[in-house]
Protein backbone atom coordinates (compact mmCIF):
# COMPACT_ATOMS: atom_id res chain seq x y z
CA UNK A 1 34.54 2.84 319.62
CA UNK A 2 38.90 2.10 319.42
CA UNK A 3 39.08 -1.67 318.08
CA UNK A 4 42.03 -3.83 318.34
CA UNK A 5 42.53 -6.98 316.68
CA UNK A 6 45.12 -9.37 318.33
CA UNK A 7 46.64 -11.83 315.76
CA UNK A 8 48.81 -14.56 317.30
CA UNK A 9 51.46 -15.69 314.62
CA UNK A 10 54.13 -18.31 314.25
CA UNK A 11 55.20 -19.50 310.85
CA UNK A 12 52.44 -17.44 309.16
CA UNK A 13 54.71 -15.82 306.33
CA UNK A 14 52.52 -17.22 303.53
CA UNK A 15 49.25 -15.70 305.14
CA UNK A 16 49.91 -12.43 307.01
CA UNK A 17 50.06 -9.86 304.01
CA UNK A 18 46.85 -10.94 302.48
CA UNK A 19 44.84 -11.22 305.84
CA UNK A 20 46.05 -7.83 306.81
CA UNK A 21 45.20 -6.57 303.58
CA UNK A 22 41.43 -7.95 303.93
CA UNK A 23 41.25 -6.62 307.13
CA UNK A 24 41.59 -3.09 306.27
CA UNK A 25 39.59 -3.54 303.10
CA UNK A 26 36.77 -4.13 305.30
CA UNK A 27 37.75 -1.27 307.98
CA UNK A 28 38.23 1.24 305.39
CA UNK A 29 34.79 0.85 303.77
CA UNK A 30 32.63 -0.38 306.70
CA UNK A 31 33.93 0.87 310.24
CA UNK A 32 32.63 4.32 309.74
CA UNK A 33 29.13 2.95 309.72
CA UNK A 34 29.13 1.51 313.00
CA UNK A 35 30.77 4.21 314.81
CA UNK A 36 34.29 2.46 314.99
CA UNK A 37 36.52 5.52 315.23
CA UNK A 38 39.88 3.44 314.84
CA UNK A 39 40.84 -0.09 314.03
CA UNK A 40 44.50 -1.40 314.63
CA UNK A 41 46.15 -4.73 314.31
CA UNK A 42 48.44 -5.86 316.86
CA UNK A 43 50.51 -8.88 315.62
CA UNK A 44 51.99 -11.04 318.39
CA UNK A 45 55.01 -13.16 316.96
CA UNK A 46 56.57 -15.73 318.55
CA UNK A 47 59.91 -15.74 317.40
CA UNK A 48 58.53 -17.45 313.94
CA UNK A 49 61.67 -18.64 312.45
CA UNK A 50 60.27 -18.64 308.83
CA UNK A 51 60.47 -14.54 308.95
CA UNK A 52 56.87 -13.67 309.96
CA UNK A 53 57.87 -11.07 312.63
CA UNK A 54 60.32 -9.55 310.26
CA UNK A 55 57.54 -9.25 307.91
CA UNK A 56 54.96 -7.94 310.31
CA UNK A 57 57.71 -5.16 311.03
CA UNK A 58 57.81 -4.08 307.35
CA UNK A 59 54.17 -3.90 306.98
CA UNK A 60 53.80 -1.98 310.54
CA UNK A 61 56.50 0.49 308.97
CA UNK A 62 53.96 0.99 305.97
CA UNK A 63 50.35 1.36 308.05
CA UNK A 64 50.15 2.91 311.31
CA UNK A 65 47.45 0.82 311.99
CA UNK A 66 49.57 -2.09 312.09
CA UNK A 67 51.65 -2.79 315.39
CA UNK A 68 53.83 -5.72 316.29
CA UNK A 69 54.72 -7.32 319.83
CA UNK A 70 57.87 -9.67 319.57
CA UNK A 71 57.83 -12.82 322.10
CA UNK A 72 61.33 -14.41 322.50
CA UNK A 73 59.67 -17.92 321.94
CA UNK A 74 56.82 -20.15 321.27
CA UNK A 75 55.07 -19.93 324.35
CA UNK A 76 51.64 -20.88 323.52
CA UNK A 77 48.27 -19.46 322.27
CA UNK A 78 46.84 -18.34 325.62
CA UNK A 79 49.72 -16.44 326.68
CA UNK A 80 50.11 -14.56 323.41
CA UNK A 81 46.53 -13.40 323.90
CA UNK A 82 46.90 -12.24 327.27
CA UNK A 83 49.90 -10.32 326.20
CA UNK A 84 47.97 -8.99 323.50
CA UNK A 85 44.75 -8.10 325.41
CA UNK A 86 47.31 -6.20 328.09
CA UNK A 87 49.14 -4.15 325.16
CA UNK A 88 45.54 -3.22 324.18
CA UNK A 89 44.25 -2.28 327.44
CA UNK A 90 47.23 -0.14 328.44
CA UNK A 91 46.82 1.88 325.10
CA UNK A 92 42.74 2.33 326.05
CA UNK A 93 41.04 0.29 323.41
CA UNK A 94 37.06 -0.10 324.22
CA UNK A 95 37.36 -3.76 322.56
CA UNK A 96 39.61 -6.36 321.43
CA UNK A 97 39.26 -8.85 319.07
CA UNK A 98 41.04 -12.52 318.39
CA UNK A 99 41.66 -13.54 315.03
CA UNK A 100 43.71 -16.66 313.62
CA UNK A 101 46.10 -15.41 311.28
CA UNK A 102 45.40 -18.12 308.60
CA UNK A 103 42.25 -16.93 307.22
CA UNK A 104 40.09 -19.30 308.94
CA UNK A 105 38.51 -16.29 310.55
CA UNK A 106 36.90 -14.22 307.93
CA UNK A 107 37.50 -10.25 308.13
CA UNK A 108 34.18 -9.66 306.33
CA UNK A 109 32.30 -10.58 309.77
CA UNK A 110 34.13 -7.55 311.72
CA UNK A 111 30.98 -5.14 311.03
CA UNK A 112 28.72 -8.13 312.92
CA UNK A 113 31.43 -7.83 315.88
CA UNK A 114 30.84 -3.99 315.86
CA UNK A 115 27.05 -4.23 315.57
CA UNK A 116 26.85 -6.62 318.36
CA UNK A 117 29.11 -5.06 320.68
CA UNK A 118 26.81 -2.14 321.05
CA UNK A 119 24.55 -4.21 323.32
CA UNK A 120 27.04 -7.17 324.23
CA UNK A 121 29.91 -7.52 326.28
CA UNK A 122 31.06 -10.68 324.67
CA UNK A 123 30.74 -11.78 321.07
CA UNK A 124 31.37 -15.21 319.72
CA UNK A 125 31.68 -16.17 316.18
CA UNK A 126 30.04 -19.40 316.13
CA UNK A 127 30.39 -22.06 313.79
CA UNK A 128 27.33 -24.30 315.60
CA UNK A 129 24.64 -22.00 315.99
CA UNK A 130 22.03 -21.92 312.71
CA UNK A 131 23.98 -20.51 309.87
CA UNK A 132 27.22 -21.19 310.93
CA UNK A 133 29.69 -24.33 309.79
CA UNK A 134 33.42 -25.54 309.16
CA UNK A 135 34.78 -26.22 305.71
CA UNK A 136 37.60 -28.47 304.61
CA UNK A 137 37.70 -30.13 308.15
CA UNK A 138 38.39 -33.74 308.35
CA UNK A 139 35.71 -35.68 310.09
CA UNK A 140 38.16 -36.24 313.39
CA UNK A 141 38.42 -32.50 313.72
CA UNK A 142 34.74 -31.91 313.45
CA UNK A 143 34.42 -34.64 316.12
CA UNK A 144 37.01 -33.24 318.19
CA UNK A 145 35.78 -29.46 317.66
CA UNK A 146 31.87 -30.19 318.34
CA UNK A 147 32.57 -32.70 321.14
CA UNK A 148 34.65 -30.30 323.16
CA UNK A 149 32.17 -27.49 322.88
CA UNK A 150 29.41 -30.01 324.00
CA UNK A 151 31.56 -31.37 326.76
CA UNK A 152 32.50 -28.09 328.11
CA UNK A 153 28.68 -26.81 327.97
CA UNK A 154 27.76 -29.92 330.00
CA UNK A 155 30.24 -29.65 332.50
CA UNK A 156 29.94 -26.10 333.12
CA UNK A 157 26.19 -25.63 332.52
CA UNK A 158 26.65 -22.61 329.86
CA UNK A 159 24.00 -22.52 326.67
CA UNK A 160 27.10 -21.38 324.29
CA UNK A 161 27.45 -23.74 321.38
CA UNK A 162 30.74 -22.56 320.33
CA UNK A 163 32.85 -23.27 323.33
CA UNK A 164 36.15 -23.90 321.73
CA UNK A 165 35.93 -20.98 319.12
CA UNK A 166 38.56 -18.66 318.62
CA UNK A 167 36.61 -15.74 316.90
CA UNK A 168 35.79 -13.40 319.51
CA UNK A 169 35.71 -9.97 320.72
CA UNK A 170 35.54 -8.35 324.21
CA UNK A 171 34.86 -5.01 325.82
CA UNK A 172 37.68 -4.08 327.95
CA UNK A 173 35.52 -4.15 331.00
CA UNK A 174 35.22 -7.88 330.67
CA UNK A 175 39.12 -8.45 330.41
CA UNK A 176 39.66 -6.13 333.11
CA UNK A 177 37.40 -8.05 335.42
CA UNK A 178 38.49 -11.68 334.53
CA UNK A 179 41.85 -11.09 335.60
CA UNK A 180 43.85 -11.95 332.30
CA UNK A 181 46.99 -12.06 334.01
CA UNK A 182 45.77 -15.14 335.77
CA UNK A 183 44.66 -16.71 332.94
CA UNK A 184 46.88 -20.31 332.23
CA UNK A 185 45.30 -22.22 329.89
CA UNK A 186 46.15 -22.80 326.39
CA UNK A 187 44.53 -23.47 323.09
CA UNK A 188 40.95 -24.68 323.03
CA UNK A 189 40.99 -24.26 327.18
CA UNK A 190 41.75 -20.87 326.83
CA UNK A 191 38.84 -20.06 324.62
CA UNK A 192 36.73 -22.05 327.13
CA UNK A 193 37.94 -20.52 330.30
CA UNK A 194 37.65 -16.97 329.17
CA UNK A 195 33.93 -17.36 328.17
CA UNK A 196 33.45 -19.38 331.33
CA UNK A 197 35.01 -16.37 333.70
CA UNK A 198 33.16 -13.48 331.67
CA UNK A 199 29.96 -15.45 332.16
CA UNK A 200 30.63 -16.21 335.68
CA UNK A 201 31.20 -12.52 336.19
CA UNK A 202 27.47 -11.94 334.68
CA UNK A 203 28.46 -10.21 331.34
CA UNK A 204 26.36 -10.53 328.47
CA UNK A 205 27.58 -12.84 325.90
CA UNK A 206 25.87 -13.59 322.16
CA UNK A 207 26.93 -15.70 319.20
CA UNK A 208 26.48 -15.08 315.62
CA UNK A 209 26.81 -17.76 312.76
CA UNK A 210 30.17 -17.70 310.71
CA UNK A 211 31.97 -20.38 308.28
CA UNK A 212 35.33 -21.60 309.56
CA UNK A 213 37.48 -22.52 306.91
CA UNK A 214 40.36 -24.29 307.40
CA UNK A 215 43.76 -22.96 306.46
CA UNK A 216 44.81 -23.43 302.95
CA UNK A 217 48.86 -22.26 303.20
CA UNK A 218 51.20 -22.92 306.34
CA UNK A 219 50.67 -25.88 309.16
CA UNK A 220 48.12 -26.45 311.36
CA UNK A 221 49.20 -25.90 315.37
CA UNK A 222 46.35 -28.23 316.40
CA UNK A 223 47.38 -31.47 318.59
CA UNK A 224 46.31 -33.90 320.97
CA UNK A 225 48.03 -32.16 323.80
CA UNK A 226 45.77 -29.24 323.00
CA UNK A 227 42.65 -31.63 323.51
CA UNK A 228 43.45 -33.34 326.23
CA UNK A 229 44.28 -30.13 328.34
CA UNK A 230 41.05 -28.53 327.13
CA UNK A 231 39.50 -31.44 328.73
CA UNK A 232 41.21 -31.47 331.93
CA UNK A 233 41.05 -28.04 332.54
CA UNK A 234 37.41 -27.87 332.06
CA UNK A 235 36.98 -30.35 334.51
CA UNK A 236 39.53 -28.26 336.90
CA UNK A 237 37.17 -25.35 336.51
CA UNK A 238 33.83 -27.14 337.36
CA UNK A 239 35.51 -28.38 340.51
CA UNK A 240 36.82 -24.89 341.44
CA UNK A 241 33.40 -23.22 340.88
């Protein structure tokens, strides 16, 4: 299996180098145990003013497994992932994983993605199945995240516990089938919509527990706009179905 990790970045210069070092520690010691022949990372940088894109270029020169896609401006998380998915599909990767740049998504979970992708089409690292959880979150953020997942499940009729989570891996057949170019959602809504489209197409989805740790460096991108968009987009998906 050829496996691509897509990492969108905007002002993540404090986190990127350490994250990639941790990713490749796991890759170098564990990937061969799961018949993973190649693991690459694609950093999708939205013209970060703090120099994240330039740092990514330097890291890519030192390690051919690191690739960089530069976008001209900050244009939304969903569009960054769509661009990253398209890049990976064009280059023949068998599965593509989403990963935050701020250490919220621990690379130590990568082997579980590799194991489960042998049986499932979509693998979700869940904060809300038994054994999962969050650390260093405010009560308001816990309510928004958990409430968003419950709301999306109720409206869309899905049983998945973590609809809003962003640590997910997709077989290429899923991304080819759902027409990623048609996705318009951002933030939470993007994660919900892509899972919903895969489920509607009849693909096999599964979850496994992860501990989500809030960033310790850099600034969170969460906003009220992202939450409102997710609620409205979910209602729109229900109506359209």
